[in-house]
Amino acid sequence: MKKVCSLSDEQSAKMKAIDEAWDKDSAKWQADNSAKVQAAQKALMEAIAKQDGAAIFKAYEAMKAAQAPLVALHDKACSQIMAVLTADQKAAWQEHTVLKSISAWFEPAKLTDKQLADIKSAYAELAKGKDAKCDEIMVTLAEKTRDMLTAEQLKGIAPFMLHMEKTIHLGGGDSAPHQRPARQASATGRSRWMPARCSRARSSSSAADTAASWAQRPALANSIAIPDSAE
């Protein structure tokens, strides 16, 4: 984030303090609640094994509830981080994270330089919208990127696209530009664990499908929330 947003020394110091507080608070929460979360995850896995859609959805909701306090800590840190940035810095960070996510999602397609340039141009147009929300931009840009792919590229990412579309429809809060595996290097050099998030479930069956996939990677996080200050 320091490089992408050209953070001042004062901003970097504030970011470090927020990051260290998050590390401390989340570590304590994990120590106090790991048994509860593991029990919820076990229940979810058992429901998945039985292929019971209603039970999977119920267990998935229980897993979210178990993690809710950690999500609150995560959102608090997110708000504090973003409050440090100027409007221009927020825009720069959003562009960086959205484009980075799209590139990662479509990595199996081996996007060409022209396609990457077209994706960047498409993002710029979408971001011009006065009321454009980051998650809406992400969904639309993913759809536009998919439409840019050749038939050969689509063949290579068909299974991945199915999972990605379910994740887009079911995952992330309104402030989340994208998700990535939760264990990330923090500004202090330590790795951190962040909570899984899944909102706006459209149906119990589709949520169950996503839960089955999500359970294999139980901790996904919004990388904008606690960014790597060295990025």
Protein backbone atom coordinates (compact mmCIF):
# COMPACT_ATOMS: atom_id res chain seq x y z
CA MET A 1 0.00 0.00 0.00
CA LYS A 2 2.87 2.38 0.74
CA LYS A 3 4.05 2.20 -2.86
CA VAL A 4 0.64 2.13 -4.53
CA CYS A 5 -0.76 5.02 -2.50
CA SER A 6 2.46 6.96 -1.93
CA LEU A 7 1.89 6.98 1.81
CA SER A 8 3.58 9.65 3.88
CA ASP A 9 5.72 8.67 6.85
CA GLU A 10 2.91 9.79 9.14
CA GLN A 11 0.37 7.63 7.31
CA SER A 12 2.70 4.63 7.36
CA ALA A 13 3.12 4.98 11.11
CA LYS A 14 -0.65 5.09 11.60
CA MET A 15 -1.09 2.04 9.37
CA LYS A 16 1.50 0.11 11.37
CA ALA A 17 -0.25 0.92 14.64
CA ILE A 18 -3.62 -0.22 13.27
CA ASP A 19 -2.07 -3.40 11.91
CA GLU A 20 -0.38 -4.22 15.20
CA ALA A 21 -3.63 -3.65 17.09
CA TRP A 22 -5.42 -5.98 14.67
CA ASP A 23 -2.75 -8.66 15.14
CA LYS A 24 -3.09 -8.42 18.91
CA ASP A 25 -6.88 -8.35 19.04
CA SER A 26 -7.40 -11.10 16.46
CA ALA A 27 -4.80 -13.35 18.11
CA LYS A 28 -6.57 -13.02 21.45
CA TRP A 29 -9.94 -13.73 19.86
CA GLN A 30 -8.60 -16.83 18.14
CA ALA A 31 -7.10 -18.11 21.39
CA ASP A 32 -10.41 -17.63 23.18
CA ASN A 33 -12.71 -18.94 20.45
CA SER A 34 -10.81 -21.49 18.36
CA ALA A 35 -12.74 -24.42 19.86
CA LYS A 36 -16.09 -22.81 19.00
CA VAL A 37 -15.04 -22.08 15.41
CA GLN A 38 -13.61 -25.58 14.95
CA ALA A 39 -16.85 -27.11 16.20
CA ALA A 40 -18.85 -24.99 13.75
CA GLN A 41 -16.54 -25.96 10.92
CA LYS A 42 -16.83 -29.65 11.84
CA ALA A 43 -20.62 -29.39 11.76
CA LEU A 44 -20.43 -27.79 8.33
CA MET A 45 -18.16 -30.51 6.97
CA GLU A 46 -20.46 -33.22 8.34
CA ALA A 47 -23.46 -31.58 6.66
CA ILE A 48 -21.54 -31.40 3.39
CA ALA A 49 -20.62 -35.08 3.65
CA LYS A 50 -24.34 -35.91 3.97
CA GLN A 51 -25.17 -33.75 0.93
CA ASP A 52 -28.01 -32.15 2.87
CA GLY A 53 -28.55 -28.71 1.34
CA ALA A 54 -30.68 -27.34 4.17
CA ALA A 55 -28.26 -28.64 6.82
CA ILE A 56 -25.29 -27.20 4.94
CA PHE A 57 -26.90 -23.77 4.77
CA LYS A 58 -27.81 -23.91 8.47
CA ALA A 59 -24.26 -24.97 9.42
CA TYR A 60 -22.82 -22.29 7.17
CA GLU A 61 -24.88 -19.62 8.89
CA ALA A 62 -23.76 -20.99 12.27
CA MET A 63 -20.15 -20.73 11.11
CA LYS A 64 -20.68 -17.10 10.17
CA ALA A 65 -22.28 -16.40 13.53
CA ALA A 66 -19.36 -18.01 15.34
CA GLN A 67 -16.96 -15.72 13.48
CA ALA A 68 -19.09 -12.58 13.77
CA PRO A 69 -17.03 -10.96 16.57
CA LEU A 70 -13.85 -11.42 14.55
CA VAL A 71 -15.57 -9.95 11.51
CA ALA A 72 -16.44 -6.91 13.65
CA LEU A 73 -12.77 -6.51 14.64
CA HIS A 74 -11.80 -6.89 11.01
CA ASP A 75 -14.28 -4.24 9.87
CA LYS A 76 -13.12 -1.87 12.58
CA ALA A 77 -9.53 -2.17 11.38
CA CYS A 78 -10.71 -1.75 7.78
CA SER A 79 -12.48 1.50 8.60
CA GLN A 80 -9.46 2.79 10.48
CA ILE A 81 -7.13 1.95 7.60
CA MET A 82 -9.31 3.64 5.00
CA ALA A 83 -9.77 6.71 7.20
CA VAL A 84 -6.03 7.33 6.97
CA LEU A 85 -6.15 7.62 3.18
CA THR A 86 -7.09 10.63 1.10
CA ALA A 87 -9.78 10.33 -1.58
CA ASP A 88 -7.13 10.00 -4.33
CA GLN A 89 -5.28 7.33 -2.36
CA LYS A 90 -8.49 5.35 -1.84
CA ALA A 91 -9.15 5.48 -5.57
CA ALA A 92 -5.61 4.33 -6.34
CA TRP A 93 -5.84 1.45 -3.88
CA GLN A 94 -9.23 0.37 -5.17
CA GLU A 95 -7.95 0.30 -8.76
CA HIS A 96 -4.88 -1.66 -7.69
CA THR A 97 -6.82 -4.27 -5.74
CA VAL A 98 -9.60 -4.70 -8.29
CA LEU A 99 -7.24 -5.14 -11.23
CA LYS A 100 -4.99 -7.42 -9.22
CA SER A 101 -7.98 -9.57 -8.30
CA ILE A 102 -9.22 -9.81 -11.86
CA SER A 103 -5.74 -10.82 -13.05
CA ALA A 104 -5.55 -13.48 -10.35
CA TRP A 105 -9.04 -14.83 -11.06
CA PHE A 106 -8.34 -15.15 -14.77
CA GLU A 107 -4.74 -16.28 -14.46
CA PRO A 108 -5.56 -19.75 -15.93
CA ALA A 109 -6.66 -17.98 -19.13
CA LYS A 110 -3.19 -16.45 -19.64
CA LEU A 111 -4.54 -13.00 -20.49
CA THR A 112 -2.73 -11.17 -23.27
CA ASP A 113 -1.21 -7.71 -22.89
CA LYS A 114 -4.03 -6.30 -25.00
CA GLN A 115 -6.66 -7.96 -22.85
CA LEU A 116 -5.02 -6.61 -19.70
CA ALA A 117 -4.98 -3.12 -21.22
CA ASP A 118 -8.65 -3.46 -22.21
CA ILE A 119 -9.53 -4.59 -18.67
CA LYS A 120 -7.78 -1.54 -17.24
CA SER A 121 -9.68 0.74 -19.64
CA ALA A 122 -12.96 -0.96 -18.74
CA TYR A 123 -12.23 -0.41 -15.04
CA ALA A 124 -11.56 3.29 -15.67
CA GLU A 125 -14.95 3.66 -17.35
CA LEU A 126 -16.78 1.78 -14.59
CA ALA A 127 -15.05 3.80 -11.87
CA LYS A 128 -16.29 7.05 -13.42
CA GLY A 129 -19.81 6.29 -12.24
CA LYS A 130 -20.82 8.70 -9.50
CA ASP A 131 -22.54 6.03 -7.43
CA ALA A 132 -20.42 3.09 -8.52
CA LYS A 133 -19.74 0.70 -5.65
CA CYS A 134 -16.60 -1.34 -5.55
CA ASP A 135 -18.31 -4.72 -5.38
CA GLU A 136 -20.56 -3.80 -8.31
CA ILE A 137 -17.52 -2.72 -10.32
CA MET A 138 -15.85 -6.03 -9.51
CA VAL A 139 -18.81 -8.10 -10.71
CA THR A 140 -19.26 -6.10 -13.90
CA LEU A 141 -15.54 -6.10 -14.69
CA ALA A 142 -15.37 -9.87 -14.18
CA GLU A 143 -18.23 -10.29 -16.64
CA LYS A 144 -16.56 -7.98 -19.15
CA THR A 145 -13.29 -9.87 -18.78
CA ARG A 146 -15.04 -13.18 -19.37
CA ASP A 147 -16.53 -11.77 -22.57
CA MET A 148 -13.04 -10.82 -23.78
CA LEU A 149 -11.78 -14.40 -23.63
CA THR A 150 -11.27 -16.58 -26.67
CA ALA A 151 -12.93 -19.99 -26.94
CA GLU A 152 -9.61 -21.60 -26.10
CA GLN A 153 -9.15 -19.45 -23.01
CA LEU A 154 -12.67 -20.27 -21.84
CA LYS A 155 -11.99 -24.00 -22.07
CA GLY A 156 -9.07 -23.67 -19.70
CA ILE A 157 -10.98 -21.87 -16.98
CA ALA A 158 -14.50 -23.33 -17.20
CA PRO A 159 -14.46 -25.11 -13.78
CA PHE A 160 -12.73 -22.14 -12.16
CA MET A 161 -15.25 -19.69 -13.60
CA LEU A 162 -18.12 -21.65 -12.07
CA HIS A 163 -16.56 -21.36 -8.63
CA MET A 164 -15.69 -17.69 -9.17
CA GLU A 165 -19.22 -16.78 -10.19
CA LYS A 166 -20.62 -18.45 -7.06
CA THR A 167 -18.08 -16.58 -4.96
CA ILE A 168 -18.99 -13.25 -6.58
CA HIS A 169 -22.72 -13.82 -6.01
CA LEU A 170 -22.41 -15.06 -2.45
CA GLY A 171 -19.24 -13.60 -1.01
CA GLY A 172 -17.93 -10.33 0.33
CA GLY A 173 -19.54 -7.31 1.92
CA ASP A 174 -20.32 -4.05 0.19
CA SER A 175 -16.93 -2.65 1.12
CA ALA A 176 -14.99 -5.64 -0.18
CA PRO A 177 -13.34 -5.22 -3.56
CA HIS A 178 -12.10 -8.77 -3.56
CA GLN A 179 -11.16 -11.79 -1.54
CA ARG A 180 -8.01 -13.84 -1.27
CA PRO A 181 -6.66 -16.58 1.04
CA ALA A 182 -6.53 -15.23 4.54
CA ARG A 183 -3.00 -15.92 5.66
CA GLN A 184 -1.21 -12.81 4.42
CA ALA A 185 2.00 -11.11 5.45
CA SER A 186 1.20 -8.16 7.65
CA ALA A 187 3.06 -4.87 7.81
CA THR A 188 4.93 -6.25 10.80
CA GLY A 189 6.10 -9.31 8.92
CA ARG A 190 3.74 -11.73 10.66
CA SER A 191 0.96 -13.64 8.99
CA ARG A 192 -2.61 -13.14 10.08
CA TRP A 193 -5.87 -15.04 9.97
CA MET A 194 -9.04 -13.34 8.85
CA PRO A 195 -12.68 -14.38 8.93
CA ALA A 196 -14.69 -15.87 6.14
CA ARG A 197 -17.53 -13.73 4.89
CA CYS A 198 -20.60 -14.65 2.90
CA SER A 199 -23.62 -12.41 2.54
CA ARG A 200 -26.57 -11.94 0.23
CA ALA A 201 -27.15 -15.69 -0.22
CA ARG A 202 -29.63 -16.09 -3.06
CA SER A 203 -30.93 -19.53 -2.12
CA SER A 204 -30.17 -22.36 0.28
CA SER A 205 -29.11 -24.63 -2.57
CA SER A 206 -26.69 -22.18 -4.16
CA ALA A 207 -25.36 -21.22 -0.75
CA ALA A 208 -24.84 -24.90 0.00
CA ASP A 209 -22.82 -25.33 -3.19
CA THR A 210 -20.61 -22.41 -2.26
CA ALA A 211 -20.32 -23.58 1.33
CA ALA A 212 -19.00 -26.92 0.14
CA SER A 213 -16.26 -25.19 -1.81
CA TRP A 214 -15.65 -22.57 0.86
CA ALA A 215 -15.19 -25.20 3.56
CA GLN A 216 -12.04 -26.37 1.84
CA ARG A 217 -10.58 -22.88 2.38
CA PRO A 218 -12.42 -21.75 5.54
CA ALA A 219 -10.77 -18.38 5.94
CA LEU A 220 -11.08 -15.85 3.15
CA ALA A 221 -10.57 -12.16 3.72
CA ASN A 222 -11.01 -8.78 2.12
CA SER A 223 -7.48 -7.81 1.33
CA ILE A 224 -8.35 -4.12 1.24
CA ALA A 225 -9.19 -4.28 4.92
CA ILE A 226 -5.74 -4.90 6.32
CA PRO A 227 -3.42 -4.28 3.36
CA ASP A 228 0.26 -4.99 3.27
CA SER A 229 1.76 -1.56 3.87
CA ALA A 230 4.81 -2.44 1.78
CA GLU A 231 2.77 -3.23 -1.36
